[in-house]
Amino acid sequence: MGLGFTAWMAYLVDGGFTRAWTPWAQGAWFVTMLFTLAMGSRAIIALLGGDTRFAWLPFILLSWLLVAAAVGAILQFAFGLPFVSGFLGALAAVEAWWTWRLPWWFWEGWRARRLRAAIGDRATRIVCGLVALVLAIAAVALA
């Protein structure tokens, strides 16, 4: 049901239903589409015997991206730093935190499991730490 409702909502967007709406209303429509997609995905993931927590992954990633964008905007407004520099710096901090704390959506996903099986847990943490370092270097270089 959730996937069908999401498809219907996407059909309306393609038909121009939300074209005249304000950006906030379009954003609310998008978040509602994510919610219905997550609800439909939960049923499919459960049917296939998977971990249904992963149906909430779009919300988790969207939340972190919004936090990074907010940090970028605040640093731009407060200190005159380029937005992209603050955004990349916030993403570097998030990546470093995920590497240190190992939340389930970061450490138990299929990509992480595949990388952990190939090179081991410690090396995977080192690779993720290097990604955070590269993001931080890019943020400083663009400042």
Protein backbone atom coordinates (compact mmCIF):
# COMPACT_ATOMS: atom_id res chain seq x y z
CA MET A 1 0.00 0.00 0.00
CA GLY A 2 2.80 2.42 0.86
CA LEU A 3 4.56 1.82 -2.45
CA GLY A 4 1.35 2.33 -4.40
CA PHE A 5 0.64 5.58 -2.57
CA THR A 6 4.20 6.75 -3.26
CA ALA A 7 3.79 5.93 -6.95
CA TRP A 8 0.51 7.88 -7.02
CA MET A 9 2.18 10.88 -5.37
CA ALA A 10 5.07 10.71 -7.86
CA TYR A 11 2.56 10.55 -10.72
CA LEU A 12 0.94 13.75 -9.44
CA VAL A 13 4.34 15.47 -9.22
CA ASP A 14 5.16 14.43 -12.80
CA GLY A 15 1.80 15.80 -13.89
CA GLY A 16 2.63 19.22 -12.45
CA PHE A 17 0.29 19.00 -9.46
CA THR A 18 2.83 20.60 -7.08
CA ARG A 19 4.36 23.06 -9.55
CA ALA A 20 2.60 26.14 -8.16
CA TRP A 21 3.22 25.20 -4.52
CA THR A 22 5.70 26.99 -2.28
CA PRO A 23 9.05 25.28 -1.69
CA TRP A 24 7.98 24.42 1.87
CA ALA A 25 4.83 22.70 0.64
CA GLN A 26 6.82 20.81 -1.98
CA GLY A 27 9.30 19.80 0.73
CA ALA A 28 6.46 18.52 2.93
CA TRP A 29 5.13 16.55 -0.06
CA PHE A 30 8.62 15.05 -0.55
CA VAL A 31 8.94 14.05 3.12
CA THR A 32 5.48 12.48 2.96
CA MET A 33 6.59 10.52 -0.11
CA LEU A 34 9.65 9.33 1.82
CA PHE A 35 7.44 8.24 4.70
CA THR A 36 5.07 6.26 2.48
CA LEU A 37 8.05 4.74 0.69
CA ALA A 38 9.54 3.70 4.03
CA MET A 39 6.25 2.14 5.12
CA GLY A 40 5.97 0.15 1.89
CA SER A 41 9.63 -0.84 2.04
CA ARG A 42 9.25 -2.10 5.61
CA ALA A 43 6.73 -4.69 4.47
CA ILE A 44 8.96 -5.88 1.62
CA ILE A 45 12.06 -6.00 3.83
CA ALA A 46 10.14 -7.99 6.47
CA LEU A 47 8.80 -10.36 3.81
CA LEU A 48 12.36 -11.02 2.62
CA GLY A 49 13.54 -11.61 6.20
CA GLY A 50 15.67 -8.48 6.45
CA ASP A 51 16.13 -5.90 9.17
CA THR A 52 13.16 -3.53 8.93
CA ARG A 53 15.12 -0.70 10.57
CA PHE A 54 16.74 -0.07 7.20
CA ALA A 55 13.40 1.19 5.85
CA TRP A 56 14.05 4.36 7.89
CA LEU A 57 17.43 4.96 6.26
CA PRO A 58 16.17 7.70 3.87
CA PHE A 59 15.01 9.73 6.89
CA ILE A 60 18.29 9.22 8.71
CA LEU A 61 20.36 10.30 5.71
CA LEU A 62 18.07 13.23 4.93
CA SER A 63 18.33 14.39 8.54
CA TRP A 64 22.12 14.31 8.48
CA LEU A 65 22.22 16.13 5.15
CA LEU A 66 19.90 18.81 6.52
CA VAL A 67 22.12 19.19 9.59
CA ALA A 68 25.20 19.53 7.37
CA ALA A 69 23.41 22.10 5.20
CA ALA A 70 22.33 24.03 8.31
CA VAL A 71 25.90 24.05 9.63
CA GLY A 72 27.15 25.25 6.25
CA ALA A 73 24.57 28.05 6.19
CA ILE A 74 25.30 29.10 9.78
CA LEU A 75 29.05 29.19 9.18
CA GLN A 76 28.50 31.17 5.99
CA PHE A 77 26.28 33.69 7.78
CA ALA A 78 28.33 33.97 10.98
CA PHE A 79 31.89 33.85 9.64
CA GLY A 80 31.63 34.40 5.90
CA LEU A 81 32.93 30.91 5.06
CA PRO A 82 31.81 29.45 1.74
CA PHE A 83 28.73 27.27 2.17
CA VAL A 84 30.41 24.26 0.56
CA SER A 85 33.28 24.48 3.02
CA GLY A 86 30.98 24.36 6.04
CA PHE A 87 28.88 21.64 4.44
CA LEU A 88 31.90 19.42 3.76
CA GLY A 89 33.25 20.13 7.23
CA ALA A 90 29.97 19.04 8.78
CA LEU A 91 29.96 15.89 6.63
CA ALA A 92 33.54 15.19 7.77
CA ALA A 93 32.45 15.52 11.39
CA VAL A 94 29.47 13.21 10.79
CA GLU A 95 31.65 10.62 9.03
CA ALA A 96 34.19 10.76 11.86
CA TRP A 97 31.44 10.35 14.44
CA TRP A 98 29.96 7.38 12.54
CA THR A 99 33.43 5.81 12.34
CA TRP A 100 33.91 6.23 16.07
CA ARG A 101 30.41 5.26 17.30
CA LEU A 102 29.49 2.69 14.59
CA PRO A 103 25.70 3.20 14.50
CA TRP A 104 23.71 0.29 13.04
CA TRP A 105 22.77 2.08 9.79
CA PHE A 106 26.45 2.74 9.12
CA TRP A 107 28.07 -0.48 10.32
CA GLU A 108 25.46 -3.16 9.60
CA GLY A 109 24.51 -2.22 6.02
CA TRP A 110 25.31 -4.54 3.15
CA ARG A 111 28.08 -2.29 1.82
CA ALA A 112 29.76 -2.12 5.21
CA ARG A 113 29.41 -5.86 5.71
CA ARG A 114 30.96 -6.52 2.31
CA LEU A 115 33.87 -4.19 3.03
CA ARG A 116 34.33 -5.65 6.51
CA ALA A 117 34.37 -9.17 5.06
CA ALA A 118 36.96 -8.15 2.45
CA ILE A 119 39.42 -6.19 4.59
CA GLY A 120 38.34 -6.68 8.22
CA ASP A 121 36.78 -4.47 10.86
CA ARG A 122 39.87 -2.45 11.79
CA ALA A 123 40.80 -1.70 8.18
CA THR A 124 37.19 -0.69 7.43
CA ARG A 125 37.32 1.81 10.30
CA ILE A 126 40.60 3.14 8.92
CA VAL A 127 39.08 3.56 5.44
CA CYS A 128 36.06 5.37 6.91
CA GLY A 129 38.39 7.58 8.95
CA LEU A 130 40.34 8.41 5.81
CA VAL A 131 37.10 9.41 4.07
CA ALA A 132 36.40 11.79 6.97
CA LEU A 133 39.93 13.16 6.69
CA VAL A 134 39.58 13.75 2.93
CA LEU A 135 36.27 15.57 3.51
CA ALA A 136 37.92 17.74 6.18
CA ILE A 137 40.86 18.54 3.92
CA ALA A 138 38.48 19.48 1.11
CA ALA A 139 36.53 21.72 3.50
CA VAL A 140 39.71 23.54 4.56
CA ALA A 141 40.99 23.80 0.98
CA LEU A 142 37.73 25.38 -0.18
CA ALA A 143 37.60 27.88 2.71
